[in-house]
PDB file of N, CA and C in Angstrom:
ATOM      1  N   ILE A   1      65.379 147.534  58.333  1.00  0.00           N
ATOM      2  CA  ILE A   1      64.311 145.348  58.308  1.00  0.00           C
ATOM      3  C   ILE A   1      65.523 145.396  56.912  1.00  0.00           C
ATOM      4  N   ILE A   2      64.077 146.164  56.528  1.00  0.00           N
ATOM      5  CA  ILE A   2      64.280 145.556  54.163  1.00  0.00           C
ATOM      6  C   ILE A   2      66.263 145.491  53.836  1.00  0.00           C
ATOM      7  N   ALA A   3      67.083 146.815  54.695  1.00  0.00           N
ATOM      8  CA  ALA A   3      67.963 147.039  53.965  1.00  0.00           C
ATOM      9  C   ALA A   3      68.958 145.663  54.754  1.00  0.00           C
ATOM     10  N   GLU A   4      68.096 145.223  55.307  1.00  0.00           N
ATOM     11  CA  GLU A   4      68.675 143.959  57.168  1.00  0.00           C
ATOM     12  C   GLU A   4      68.909 143.198  56.230  1.00  0.00           C
ATOM     13  N   ARG A   5      67.543 142.427  55.592  1.00  0.00           N
ATOM     14  CA  ARG A   5      67.320 141.896  54.488  1.00  0.00           C
ATOM     15  C   ARG A   5      67.934 141.443  53.440  1.00  0.00           C
ATOM     16  N   LYS A   6      68.441 142.782  53.097  1.00  0.00           N
ATOM     17  CA  LYS A   6      68.976 142.572  51.564  1.00  0.00           C
ATOM     18  C   LYS A   6      70.059 142.335  51.503  1.00  0.00           C
ATOM     19  N   ASP A   7      70.780 142.947  52.359  1.00  0.00           N
ATOM     20  CA  ASP A   7      72.232 142.834  52.671  1.00  0.00           C
ATOM     21  C   ASP A   7      72.899 141.180  53.099  1.00  0.00           C
ATOM     22  N   TYR A   8      71.440 140.074  54.239  1.00  0.00           N
ATOM     23  CA  TYR A   8      71.780 139.461  54.301  1.00  0.00           C
ATOM     24  C   TYR A   8      71.500 138.355  52.893  1.00  0.00           C
ATOM     25  N   HIS A   9      70.465 138.162  52.312  1.00  0.00           N
ATOM     26  CA  HIS A   9      70.421 138.494  50.557  1.00  0.00           C
ATOM     27  C   HIS A   9      71.633 137.890  50.079  1.00  0.00           C
ATOM     28  N   MET A  10      72.155 139.692  49.979  1.00  0.00           N
ATOM     29  CA  MET A  10      73.741 138.977  48.972  1.00  0.00           C
ATOM     30  C   MET A  10      74.244 138.435  49.562  1.00  0.00           C
ATOM     31  N   GLN A  11      75.210 138.475  51.144  1.00  0.00           N
ATOM     32  CA  GLN A  11      75.933 138.123  51.582  1.00  0.00           C
ATOM     33  C   GLN A  11      75.835 136.203  50.754  1.00  0.00           C
ATOM     34  N   THR A  12      74.508 135.744  51.117  1.00  0.00           N
ATOM     35  CA  THR A  12      74.384 134.319  51.518  1.00  0.00           C
ATOM     36  C   THR A  12      74.325 133.741  49.531  1.00  0.00           C
ATOM     37  N   ASN A  13      74.211 135.608  49.161  1.00  0.00           N
ATOM     38  CA  ASN A  13      74.051 134.642  47.327  1.00  0.00           C
ATOM     39  C   ASN A  13      72.725 134.078  47.297  1.00  0.00           C
ATOM     40  N   GLY A  14      71.429 133.906  48.205  1.00  0.00           N
ATOM     41  CA  GLY A  14      70.496 133.720  47.950  1.00  0.00           C
ATOM     42  C   GLY A  14      70.007 132.475  48.693  1.00  0.00           C
ATOM     43  N   GLN A  15      71.455 131.429  48.430  1.00  0.00           N
ATOM     44  CA  GLN A  15      71.302 130.829  48.968  1.00  0.00           C
ATOM     45  C   GLN A  15      70.594 129.772  50.023  1.00  0.00           C
ATOM     46  N   TYR A  16      69.579 130.684  50.681  1.00  0.00           N
ATOM     47  CA  TYR A  16      68.360 130.391  51.490  1.00  0.00           C
ATOM     48  C   TYR A  16      67.422 129.816  50.998  1.00  0.00           C
ATOM     49  N   LEU A  17      67.158 130.708  49.680  1.00  0.00           N
ATOM     50  CA  LEU A  17      65.942 130.354  49.160  1.00  0.00           C
ATOM     51  C   LEU A  17      66.059 129.340  48.157  1.00  0.00           C
ATOM     52  N   LYS A  18      66.831 129.413  47.994  1.00  0.00           N
ATOM     53  CA  LYS A  18      66.768 127.667  46.895  1.00  0.00           C
ATOM     54  C   LYS A  18      66.788 126.674  47.280  1.00  0.00           C
ATOM     55  N   ASN A  19      68.049 127.013  49.296  1.00  0.00           N
ATOM     56  CA  ASN A  19      67.391 125.638  49.756  1.00  0.00           C
ATOM     57  C   ASN A  19      66.103 124.930  50.400  1.00  0.00           C
ATOM     58  N   LEU A  20      65.301 126.621  49.631  1.00  0.00           N
ATOM     59  CA  LEU A  20      63.846 126.348  50.183  1.00  0.00           C
ATOM     60  C   LEU A  20      62.808 125.602  48.975  1.00  0.00           C
ATOM     61  N   ASN A  21      63.275 126.263  48.030  1.00  0.00           N
ATOM     62  CA  ASN A  21      62.148 125.590  47.202  1.00  0.00           C
ATOM     63  C   ASN A  21      62.746 124.536  46.753  1.00  0.00           C
ATOM     64  N   THR A  22      63.265 123.487  46.839  1.00  0.00           N
ATOM     65  CA  THR A  22      63.548 122.056  46.687  1.00  0.00           C
ATOM     66  C   THR A  22      61.921 121.297  46.346  1.00  0.00           C
ATOM     67  N   ASN A  23      62.340 120.755  44.801  1.00  0.00           N
ATOM     68  CA  ASN A  23      61.006 119.725  44.332  1.00  0.00           C
ATOM     69  C   ASN A  23      60.963 118.510  45.844  1.00  0.00           C
ATOM     70  N   VAL A  24      60.770 118.018  45.258  1.00  0.00           N
ATOM     71  CA  VAL A  24      60.987 116.529  46.042  1.00  0.00           C
ATOM     72  C   VAL A  24      59.573 116.120  45.040  1.00  0.00           C
ATOM     73  N   TYR A  25      59.510 114.621  43.985  1.00  0.00           N
ATOM     74  CA  TYR A  25      59.290 114.050  43.785  1.00  0.00           C
ATOM     75  C   TYR A  25      58.997 112.200  43.799  1.00  0.00           C
ATOM     76  N   GLU A  26      59.987 112.361  44.759  1.00  0.00           N
ATOM     77  CA  GLU A  26      60.355 110.985  45.012  1.00  0.00           C
ATOM     78  C   GLU A  26      58.888 110.028  46.029  1.00  0.00           C
ATOM     79  N   ASP A  27      58.555 109.172  45.536  1.00  0.00           N
ATOM     80  CA  ASP A  27      57.324 108.393  45.821  1.00  0.00           C
ATOM     81  C   ASP A  27      57.511 107.041  47.241  1.00  0.00           C
ATOM     82  N   ASP A  28      58.702 107.150  47.835  1.00  0.00           N
ATOM     83  CA  ASP A  28      58.512 106.415  49.555  1.00  0.00           C
ATOM     84  C   ASP A  28      58.991 107.475  50.358  1.00  0.00           C
ATOM     85  N   ALA A  29      57.268 107.142  51.103  1.00  0.00           N
ATOM     86  CA  ALA A  29      57.105 108.103  52.163  1.00  0.00           C
ATOM     87  C   ALA A  29      58.026 108.605  52.947  1.00  0.00           C
ATOM     88  N   GLU A  30      58.701 107.826  53.220  1.00  0.00           N
ATOM     89  CA  GLU A  30      60.406 107.743  54.079  1.00  0.00           C
ATOM     90  C   GLU A  30      61.774 109.138  53.489  1.00  0.00           C
ATOM     91  N   THR A  31      61.179 109.192  52.383  1.00  0.00           N
ATOM     92  CA  THR A  31      62.515 109.659  51.410  1.00  0.00           C
ATOM     93  C   THR A  31      61.414 111.088  51.601  1.00  0.00           C
ATOM     94  N   ILE A  32      60.428 111.654  51.193  1.00  0.00           N
ATOM     95  CA  ILE A  32      59.378 112.563  51.622  1.00  0.00           C
ATOM     96  C   ILE A  32      59.476 113.621  53.012  1.00  0.00           C
ATOM     97  N   GLY A  33      59.461 112.484  53.945  1.00  0.00           N
ATOM     98  CA  GLY A  33      58.992 112.947  55.493  1.00  0.00           C
ATOM     99  C   GLY A  33      61.268 113.472  55.669  1.00  0.00           C
ATOM    100  N   SER A  34      61.806 112.443  55.750  1.00  0.00           N
ATOM    101  CA  SER A  34      63.267 113.261  55.517  1.00  0.00           C
ATOM    102  C   SER A  34      63.961 114.239  55.105  1.00  0.00           C
ATOM    103  N   THR A  35      62.693 114.674  53.255  1.00  0.00           N
ATOM    104  CA  THR A  35      63.605 115.690  52.976  1.00  0.00           C
ATOM    105  C   THR A  35      62.067 116.611  53.372  1.00  0.00           C
ATOM    106  N   GLU A  36      61.395 117.222  53.223  1.00  0.00           N
ATOM    107  CA  GLU A  36      60.668 117.838  54.489  1.00  0.00           C
ATOM    108  C   GLU A  36      61.190 118.050  55.643  1.00  0.00           C
ATOM    109  N   THR A  37      61.574 116.914  56.634  1.00  0.00           N
ATOM    110  CA  THR A  37      62.761 117.765  58.040  1.00  0.00           C
ATOM    111  C   THR A  37      63.546 118.660  56.963  1.00  0.00           C
ATOM    112  N   SER A  38      64.372 118.147  56.583  1.00  0.00           N
ATOM    113  CA  SER A  38      65.287 119.060  56.111  1.00  0.00           C
ATOM    114  C   SER A  38      65.232 120.340  55.473  1.00  0.00           C
ATOM    115  N   SER A  39      64.121 120.739  55.004  1.00  0.00           N
ATOM    116  CA  SER A  39      64.011 121.702  54.152  1.00  0.00           C
ATOM    117  C   SER A  39      63.134 122.903  55.707  1.00  0.00           C
ATOM    118  N   ILE A  40      62.673 122.157  56.737  1.00  0.00           N
ATOM    119  CA  ILE A  40      62.393 122.434  57.503  1.00  0.00           C
ATOM    120  C   ILE A  40      63.736 122.532  58.512  1.00  0.00           C
ATOM    121  N   ILE A  41      64.608 121.954  58.991  1.00  0.00           N
ATOM    122  CA  ILE A  41      65.783 122.672  59.801  1.00  0.00           C
ATOM    123  C   ILE A  41      66.849 123.513  58.757  1.00  0.00           C
ATOM    124  N   ARG A  42      66.865 123.559  57.385  1.00  0.00           N
ATOM    125  CA  ARG A  42      67.214 124.900  56.785  1.00  0.00           C
ATOM    126  C   ARG A  42      66.577 126.227  57.017  1.00  0.00           C
ATOM    127  N   TYR A  43      65.521 125.340  57.118  1.00  0.00           N
ATOM    128  CA  TYR A  43      64.681 126.540  56.850  1.00  0.00           C
ATOM    129  C   TYR A  43      64.867 127.551  58.222  1.00  0.00           C
ATOM    130  N   LEU A  44      64.852 126.006  59.459  1.00  0.00           N
ATOM    131  CA  LEU A  44      64.383 127.755  61.045  1.00  0.00           C
ATOM    132  C   LEU A  44      66.789 128.153  60.781  1.00  0.00           C
ATOM    133  N   TYR A  45      67.360 126.966  60.554  1.00  0.00           N
ATOM    134  CA  TYR A  45      68.836 127.383  60.361  1.00  0.00           C
ATOM    135  C   TYR A  45      68.927 128.684  59.806  1.00  0.00           C
ATOM    136  N   TYR A  46      68.251 128.867  58.848  1.00  0.00           N
ATOM    137  CA  TYR A  46      68.612 130.665  57.928  1.00  0.00           C
ATOM    138  C   TYR A  46      68.028 131.548  58.998  1.00  0.00           C
ATOM    139  N   ASN A  47      66.327 131.021  59.016  1.00  0.00           N
ATOM    140  CA  ASN A  47      65.839 132.104  59.945  1.00  0.00           C
ATOM    141  C   ASN A  47      66.259 132.496  60.887  1.00  0.00           C
ATOM    142  N   PHE A  48      67.081 131.437  61.820  1.00  0.00           N
ATOM    143  CA  PHE A  48      67.901 132.324  63.121  1.00  0.00           C
ATOM    144  C   PHE A  48      69.104 133.090  62.612  1.00  0.00           C
ATOM    145  N   LYS A  49      69.898 132.355  62.059  1.00  0.00           N
ATOM    146  CA  LYS A  49      71.181 133.408  61.493  1.00  0.00           C
ATOM    147  C   LYS A  49      70.545 134.864  61.229  1.00  0.00           C
ATOM    148  N   PHE A  50      69.542 134.862  59.902  1.00  0.00           N
ATOM    149  CA  PHE A  50      69.023 135.975  59.857  1.00  0.00           C
ATOM    150  C   PHE A  50      68.383 137.053  61.226  1.00  0.00           C
ATOM    151  N   ASN A  51      67.567 136.326  61.893  1.00  0.00           N
ATOM    152  CA  ASN A  51      67.680 137.180  63.012  1.00  0.00           C
ATOM    153  C   ASN A  51      68.847 137.582  64.261  1.00  0.00           C
ATOM    154  N   LEU A  52      69.255 136.751  64.034  1.00  0.00           N
ATOM    155  CA  LEU A  52      70.953 136.810  64.548  1.00  0.00           C
ATOM    156  C   LEU A  52      71.246 138.419  64.099  1.00  0.00           C
ATOM    157  N   MET A  53      71.325 138.393  62.578  1.00  0.00           N
ATOM    158  CA  MET A  53      72.169 139.418  62.300  1.00  0.00           C
ATOM    159  C   MET A  53      71.733 140.833  62.877  1.00  0.00           C
ATOM    160  N   LEU A  54      70.291 140.204  63.147  1.00  0.00           N
ATOM    161  CA  LEU A  54      69.189 141.785  62.708  1.00  0.00           C
ATOM    162  C   LEU A  54      69.373 142.178  64.225  1.00  0.00           C
ATOM    163  N   ARG A  55      68.997 141.058  65.846  1.00  0.00           N
ATOM    164  CA  ARG A  55      69.919 141.422  66.955  1.00  0.00           C
ATOM    165  C   ARG A  55      71.446 142.284  67.087  1.00  0.00           C
ATOM    166  N   LYS A  56      72.345 141.986  65.767  1.00  0.00           N
ATOM    167  CA  LYS A  56      73.772 142.369  66.453  1.00  0.00           C
ATOM    168  C   LYS A  56      73.310 144.052  65.517  1.00  0.00           C
ATOM    169  N   SER A  57      71.953 143.721  64.671  1.00  0.00           N
ATOM    170  CA  SER A  57      72.388 145.440  63.740  1.00  0.00           C
ATOM    171  C   SER A  57      71.694 146.061  65.015  1.00  0.00           C
ATOM    172  N   ILE A  58      71.294 145.303  65.423  1.00  0.00           N
ATOM    173  CA  ILE A  58      70.978 146.056  66.668  1.00  0.00           C
ATOM    174  C   ILE A  58      70.729 146.795  67.375  1.00  0.00           C
ATOM    175  N   ARG A  59      71.662 146.206  68.100  1.00  0.00           N
ATOM    176  CA  ARG A  59      72.484 146.516  68.835  1.00  0.00           C
ATOM    177  C   ARG A  59      73.765 148.026  68.898  1.00  0.00           C
ATOM    178  N   LYS A  60      74.139 147.517  67.872  1.00  0.00           N
ATOM    179  CA  LYS A  60      75.062 148.754  66.876  1.00  0.00           C
ATOM    180  C   LYS A  60      74.784 150.232  67.276  1.00  0.00           C
ATOM    181  N   LYS A  61      75.607 150.527  67.108  1.00  0.00           N
ATOM    182  CA  LYS A  61      75.702 152.971  67.955  1.00  0.00           C
ATOM    183  C   LYS A  61      74.760 153.000  65.892  1.00  0.00           C
ATOM    184  N   ARG A  62      74.137 154.164  66.836  1.00  0.00           N
ATOM    185  CA  ARG A  62      73.062 154.531  66.121  1.00  0.00           C
ATOM    186  C   ARG A  62      74.355 155.695  64.644  1.00  0.00           C
ATOM    187  N   LEU A  63      73.981 155.391  63.807  1.00  0.00           N
ATOM    188  CA  LEU A  63      75.109 156.573  63.059  1.00  0.00           C
ATOM    189  C   LEU A  63      74.204 158.232  63.348  1.00  0.00           C
ATOM    190  N   ALA A  64      75.013 159.226  62.788  1.00  0.00           N
ATOM    191  CA  ALA A  64      74.260 160.175  62.362  1.00  0.00           C
ATOM    192  C   ALA A  64      74.230 160.252  61.073  1.00  0.00           C
ATOM    193  N   LEU A  65      72.813 161.687  60.536  1.00  0.00           N
ATOM    194  CA  LEU A  65      72.781 161.444  59.749  1.00  0.00           C
ATOM    195  C   LEU A  65      73.874 161.953  58.281  1.00  0.00           C
ATOM    196  N   LEU A  66      74.837 162.286  58.469  1.00  0.00           N
ATOM    197  CA  LEU A  66      75.906 162.495  57.670  1.00  0.00           C
ATOM    198  C   LEU A  66      76.650 161.270  57.516  1.00  0.00           C
ATOM    199  N   ASP A  67      77.073 160.573  58.648  1.00  0.00           N
ATOM    200  CA  ASP A  67      77.829 159.016  58.421  1.00  0.00           C
ATOM    201  C   ASP A  67      76.526 158.510  57.467  1.00  0.00           C
ATOM    202  N   ILE A  68      75.593 158.690  57.777  1.00  0.00           N
ATOM    203  CA  ILE A  68      74.710 157.530  57.285  1.00  0.00           C
ATOM    204  C   ILE A  68      74.807 157.922  54.863  1.00  0.00           C
ATOM    205  N   LEU A  69      74.886 159.187  55.488  1.00  0.00           N
ATOM    206  CA  LEU A  69      74.930 159.975  53.333  1.00  0.00           C
ATOM    207  C   LEU A  69      76.805 159.217  53.102  1.00  0.00           C
ATOM    208  N   ILE A  70      76.835 159.171  53.956  1.00  0.00           N
ATOM    209  CA  ILE A  70      78.381 159.251  53.249  1.00  0.00           C
ATOM    210  C   ILE A  70      78.549 157.812  53.032  1.00  0.00           C
ATOM    211  N   GLN A  71      78.053 157.038  53.765  1.00  0.00           N
ATOM    212  CA  GLN A  71      78.382 155.145  53.451  1.00  0.00           C
ATOM    213  C   GLN A  71      77.291 155.166  51.979  1.00  0.00           C
ATOM    214  N   ALA A  72      76.246 155.810  52.010  1.00  0.00           N
ATOM    215  CA  ALA A  72      75.813 155.717  51.093  1.00  0.00           C
ATOM    216  C   ALA A  72      76.074 156.282  50.071  1.00  0.00           C
ATOM    217  N   SER A  73      76.803 157.280  50.134  1.00  0.00           N
ATOM    218  CA  SER A  73      77.950 158.001  48.424  1.00  0.00           C
ATOM    219  C   SER A  73      78.583 156.661  48.565  1.00  0.00           C
ATOM    220  N   GLN A  74      79.314 155.553  49.312  1.00  0.00           N
ATOM    221  CA  GLN A  74      80.348 155.346  49.261  1.00  0.00           C
ATOM    222  C   GLN A  74      79.529 154.130  48.063  1.00  0.00           C
ATOM    223  N   ASP A  75      78.654 153.680  48.094  1.00  0.00           N
ATOM    224  CA  ASP A  75      78.364 152.601  47.804  1.00  0.00           C
ATOM    225  C   ASP A  75      77.534 153.181  46.092  1.00  0.00           C
ATOM    226  N   GLY A  76      77.643 154.260  45.882  1.00  0.00           N
ATOM    227  CA  GLY A  76      77.264 154.581  44.565  1.00  0.00           C
ATOM    228  C   GLY A  76      76.106 155.477  44.712  1.00  0.00           C
ATOM    229  N   THR A  77      75.391 155.558  45.536  1.00  0.00           N
ATOM    230  CA  THR A  77      73.724 156.081  45.007  1.00  0.00           C
ATOM    231  C   THR A  77      73.781 157.467  45.231  1.00  0.00           C
ATOM    232  N   LEU A  78      74.943 158.060  46.504  1.00  0.00           N
ATOM    233  CA  LEU A  78      74.784 159.238  46.217  1.00  0.00           C
ATOM    234  C   LEU A  78      76.051 160.441  45.841  1.00  0.00           C
ATOM    235  N   SER A  79      75.991 160.899  44.592  1.00  0.00           N
ATOM    236  CA  SER A  79      76.553 162.569  44.832  1.00  0.00           C
ATOM    237  C   SER A  79      77.372 162.918  46.248  1.00  0.00           C
ATOM    238  N   ASP A  80      78.039 164.534  45.894  1.00  0.00           N
ATOM    239  CA  ASP A  80      78.157 165.172  46.756  1.00  0.00           C
ATOM    240  C   ASP A  80      77.693 166.063  47.107  1.00  0.00           C
ATOM    241  N   SER A  81      76.873 165.912  45.162  1.00  0.00           N
ATOM    242  CA  SER A  81      75.696 167.035  45.356  1.00  0.00           C
ATOM    243  C   SER A  81      74.937 167.042  45.900  1.00  0.00           C
ATOM    244  N   ASP A  82      74.447 165.619  46.121  1.00  0.00           N
ATOM    245  CA  ASP A  82      73.584 164.996  46.480  1.00  0.00           C
ATOM    246  C   ASP A  82      73.571 165.092  47.418  1.00  0.00           C
ATOM    247  N   ILE A  83      74.335 164.854  48.731  1.00  0.00           N
ATOM    248  CA  ILE A  83      74.521 164.684  50.371  1.00  0.00           C
ATOM    249  C   ILE A  83      74.578 166.693  50.735  1.00  0.00           C
ATOM    250  N   ARG A  84      75.548 167.057  49.700  1.00  0.00           N
ATOM    251  CA  ARG A  84      74.843 168.130  49.980  1.00  0.00           C
ATOM    252  C   ARG A  84      73.608 168.365  50.651  1.00  0.00           C
ATOM    253  N   GLU A  85      72.501 168.292  49.296  1.00  0.00           N
ATOM    254  CA  GLU A  85      72.181 168.911  49.094  1.00  0.00           C
ATOM    255  C   GLU A  85      70.179 168.502  50.292  1.00  0.00           C
ATOM    256  N   GLU A  86      70.980 166.932  50.564  1.00  0.00           N
ATOM    257  CA  GLU A  86      70.501 166.456  52.221  1.00  0.00           C
ATOM    258  C   GLU A  86      70.377 166.829  53.209  1.00  0.00           C
ATOM    259  N   VAL A  87      71.256 167.648  52.929  1.00  0.00           N
ATOM    260  CA  VAL A  87      72.060 168.030  54.791  1.00  0.00           C
ATOM    261  C   VAL A  87      71.829 169.661  54.425  1.00  0.00           C
ATOM    262  N   ASP A  88      71.591 170.523  53.701  1.00  0.00           N
ATOM    263  CA  ASP A  88      70.623 171.300  53.964  1.00  0.00           C
ATOM    264  C   ASP A  88      69.082 171.368  54.386  1.00  0.00           C
ATOM    265  N   THR A  89      68.853 170.425  53.534  1.00  0.00           N
ATOM    266  CA  THR A  89      67.219 170.201  54.013  1.00  0.00           C
ATOM    267  C   THR A  89      66.746 169.770  54.812  1.00  0.00           C
ATOM    268  N   PHE A  90      67.873 169.005  55.738  1.00  0.00           N
ATOM    269  CA  PHE A  90      67.589 168.532  57.228  1.00  0.00           C
ATOM    270  C   PHE A  90      67.857 169.642  58.223  1.00  0.00           C
ATOM    271  N   MET A  91      68.956 171.065  57.913  1.00  0.00           N
ATOM    272  CA  MET A  91      69.362 171.870  58.116  1.00  0.00           C
ATOM    273  C   MET A  91      68.652 172.799  58.183  1.00  0.00           C
ATOM    274  N   PHE A  92      67.331 173.309  57.439  1.00  0.00           N
ATOM    275  CA  PHE A  92      66.841 174.184  56.830  1.00  0.00           C
ATOM    276  C   PHE A  92      65.083 173.640  57.798  1.00  0.00           C
ATOM    277  N   GLU A  93      64.915 172.438  57.716  1.00  0.00           N
ATOM    278  CA  GLU A  93      63.952 171.693  58.168  1.00  0.00           C
ATOM    279  C   GLU A  93      63.674 171.846  59.891  1.00  0.00           C
ATOM    280  N   GLY A  94      65.200 171.708  60.647  1.00  0.00           N
ATOM    281  CA  GLY A  94      65.380 172.201  61.982  1.00  0.00           C
ATOM    282  C   GLY A  94      64.966 173.268  62.348  1.00  0.00           C
ATOM    283  N   HIS A  95      65.738 174.386  61.356  1.00  0.00           N
ATOM    284  CA  HIS A  95      65.350 175.460  61.261  1.00  0.00           C
ATOM    285  C   HIS A  95      63.677 175.631  61.926  1.00  0.00           C
ATOM    286  N   ASP A  96      63.153 175.738  60.496  1.00  0.00           N
ATOM    287  CA  ASP A  96      61.967 175.610  60.289  1.00  0.00           C
ATOM    288  C   ASP A  96      61.689 175.499  61.968  1.00  0.00           C
ATOM    289  N   THR A  97      61.161 173.984  61.680  1.00  0.00           N
ATOM    290  CA  THR A  97      61.142 173.605  63.291  1.00  0.00           C
ATOM    291  C   THR A  97      60.995 174.472  64.749  1.00  0.00           C
ATOM    292  N   THR A  98      62.055 174.605  65.165  1.00  0.00           N
ATOM    293  CA  THR A  98      62.517 175.333  66.196  1.00  0.00           C
ATOM    294  C   THR A  98      61.486 177.323  66.054  1.00  0.00           C
ATOM    295  N   ALA A  99      62.795 177.157  64.714  1.00  0.00           N
ATOM    296  CA  ALA A  99      61.508 179.183  64.923  1.00  0.00           C
ATOM    297  C   ALA A  99      60.120 178.811  64.942  1.00  0.00           C
ATOM    298  N   THR A 100      59.210 178.270  64.389  1.00  0.00           N
ATOM    299  CA  THR A 100      58.134 178.081  64.607  1.00  0.00           C
ATOM    300  C   THR A 100      58.097 177.240  65.894  1.00  0.00           C
ATOM    301  N   GLY A 101      58.115 176.314  66.294  1.00  0.00           N
ATOM    302  CA  GLY A 101      57.733 176.536  67.893  1.00  0.00           C
ATOM    303  C   GLY A 101      57.917 177.410  68.801  1.00  0.00           C
ATOM    304  N   ILE A 102      59.153 178.121  68.735  1.00  0.00           N
ATOM    305  CA  ILE A 102      59.603 179.064  69.704  1.00  0.00           C
ATOM    306  C   ILE A 102      58.565 180.622  69.310  1.00  0.00           C
ATOM    307  N   PHE A 103      58.101 180.589  68.477  1.00  0.00           N
ATOM    308  CA  PHE A 103      56.733 181.361  67.343  1.00  0.00           C
ATOM    309  C   PHE A 103      55.610 181.042  69.040  1.00  0.00           C
ATOM    310  N   PHE A 104      55.096 179.701  68.029  1.00  0.00           N
ATOM    311  CA  PHE A 104      53.924 179.285  68.905  1.00  0.00           C
ATOM    312  C   PHE A 104      54.148 179.437  70.244  1.00  0.00           C
ATOM    313  N   ILE A 105      55.122 179.435  70.890  1.00  0.00           N
ATOM    314  CA  ILE A 105      55.394 179.687  72.968  1.00  0.00           C
ATOM    315  C   ILE A 105      55.062 181.047  73.237  1.00  0.00           C
ATOM    316  N   LEU A 106      55.931 182.172  72.057  1.00  0.00           N
ATOM    317  CA  LEU A 106      55.545 182.977  72.562  1.00  0.00           C
ATOM    318  C   LEU A 106      54.166 183.777  71.995  1.00  0.00           C
ATOM    319  N   SER A 107      53.312 183.188  71.219  1.00  0.00           N
ATOM    320  CA  SER A 107      51.437 183.824  71.213  1.00  0.00           C
ATOM    321  C   SER A 107      50.711 183.050  72.075  1.00  0.00           C
ATOM    322  N   LEU A 108      51.718 181.992  72.745  1.00  0.00           N
ATOM    323  CA  LEU A 108      51.005 181.673  73.691  1.00  0.00           C
ATOM    324  C   LEU A 108      50.955 182.299  75.092  1.00  0.00           C
ATOM    325  N   LEU A 109      52.156 182.405  74.568  1.00  0.00           N
ATOM    326  CA  LEU A 109      52.872 183.788  76.512  1.00  0.00           C
ATOM    327  C   LEU A 109      51.709 184.917  76.463  1.00  0.00           C
ATOM    328  N   ALA A 110      51.925 185.240  75.088  1.00  0.00           N
ATOM    329  CA  ALA A 110      51.114 187.238  75.114  1.00  0.00           C
ATOM    330  C   ALA A 110      49.749 186.757  75.223  1.00  0.00           C
ATOM    331  N   GLU A 111      49.350 185.801  75.408  1.00  0.00           N
ATOM    332  CA  GLU A 111      47.658 185.512  74.949  1.00  0.00           C
ATOM    333  C   GLU A 111      47.517 185.286  77.128  1.00  0.00           C
ATOM    334  N   HIS A 112      48.052 185.152  77.794  1.00  0.00           N
ATOM    335  CA  HIS A 112      48.385 184.614  78.833  1.00  0.00           C
ATOM    336  C   HIS A 112      49.299 184.780  80.034  1.00  0.00           C
ATOM    337  N   LYS A 113      48.634 185.987  80.405  1.00  0.00           N
ATOM    338  CA  LYS A 113      49.117 186.959  81.254  1.00  0.00           C
ATOM    339  C   LYS A 113      49.124 186.495  82.496  1.00  0.00           C
ATOM    340  N   ASP A 114      48.678 185.663  83.145  1.00  0.00           N
ATOM    341  CA  ASP A 114      48.951 184.926  83.714  1.00  0.00           C
ATOM    342  C   ASP A 114      50.522 183.653  84.539  1.00  0.00           C
ATOM    343  N   ILE A 115      50.547 182.992  83.107  1.00  0.00           N
ATOM    344  CA  ILE A 115      52.055 182.656  83.011  1.00  0.00           C
ATOM    345  C   ILE A 115      52.831 183.347  82.499  1.00  0.00           C
ATOM    346  N   GLN A 116      52.512 183.962  82.141  1.00  0.00           N
ATOM    347  CA  GLN A 116      53.947 185.495  81.671  1.00  0.00           C
ATOM    348  C   GLN A 116      54.145 185.475  83.231  1.00  0.00           C
ATOM    349  N   VAL A 117      53.513 185.882  83.909  1.00  0.00           N
ATOM    350  CA  VAL A 117      53.407 186.588  85.190  1.00  0.00           C
ATOM    351  C   VAL A 117      54.738 185.197  86.491  1.00  0.00           C
ATOM    352  N   PHE A 118      53.902 184.360  86.229  1.00  0.00           N
ATOM    353  CA  PHE A 118      54.549 182.841  86.787  1.00  0.00           C
ATOM    354  C   PHE A 118      56.147 182.277  85.647  1.00  0.00           C
ATOM    355  N   PHE A 119      56.808 182.548  84.788  1.00  0.00           N
ATOM    356  CA  PHE A 119      57.818 182.292  84.056  1.00  0.00           C
ATOM    357  C   PHE A 119      58.829 183.503  85.443  1.00  0.00           C
ATOM    358  N   VAL A 120      57.751 184.961  85.032  1.00  0.00           N
ATOM    359  CA  VAL A 120      58.938 186.172  85.778  1.00  0.00           C
ATOM    360  C   VAL A 120      59.694 185.774  87.033  1.00  0.00           C
ATOM    361  N   LYS A 121      58.132 185.058  87.561  1.00  0.00           N
ATOM    362  CA  LYS A 121      59.171 184.940  89.614  1.00  0.00           C
ATOM    363  C   LYS A 121      59.732 183.778  89.305  1.00  0.00           C
TER     364      LYS A 121
END
């Protein structure tokens, strides 16, 4: 969500914030009312536009880890060695998690002979 908001901010060049921070120094009540109304309308418009962008991004296909890392490298935030390190970390952690899960299952099967018999049948 933070990345989406940052992208929206970059796309609009922060204009939606500038429009919301207009100061009103007029004494005329009618002018003040219409300025406040316009500010509210602008706020609702940009809020609607931002929510629409979020909904569109949620519907998008989820990217794989490597795709996300490659996308980050195109922005210049990750080098090739950084990508390799991240992939190695995820591969190791995945292997470690799988090995721990299998060890836990085998340990429980070793303790419970009745369940061993059930699985053999």
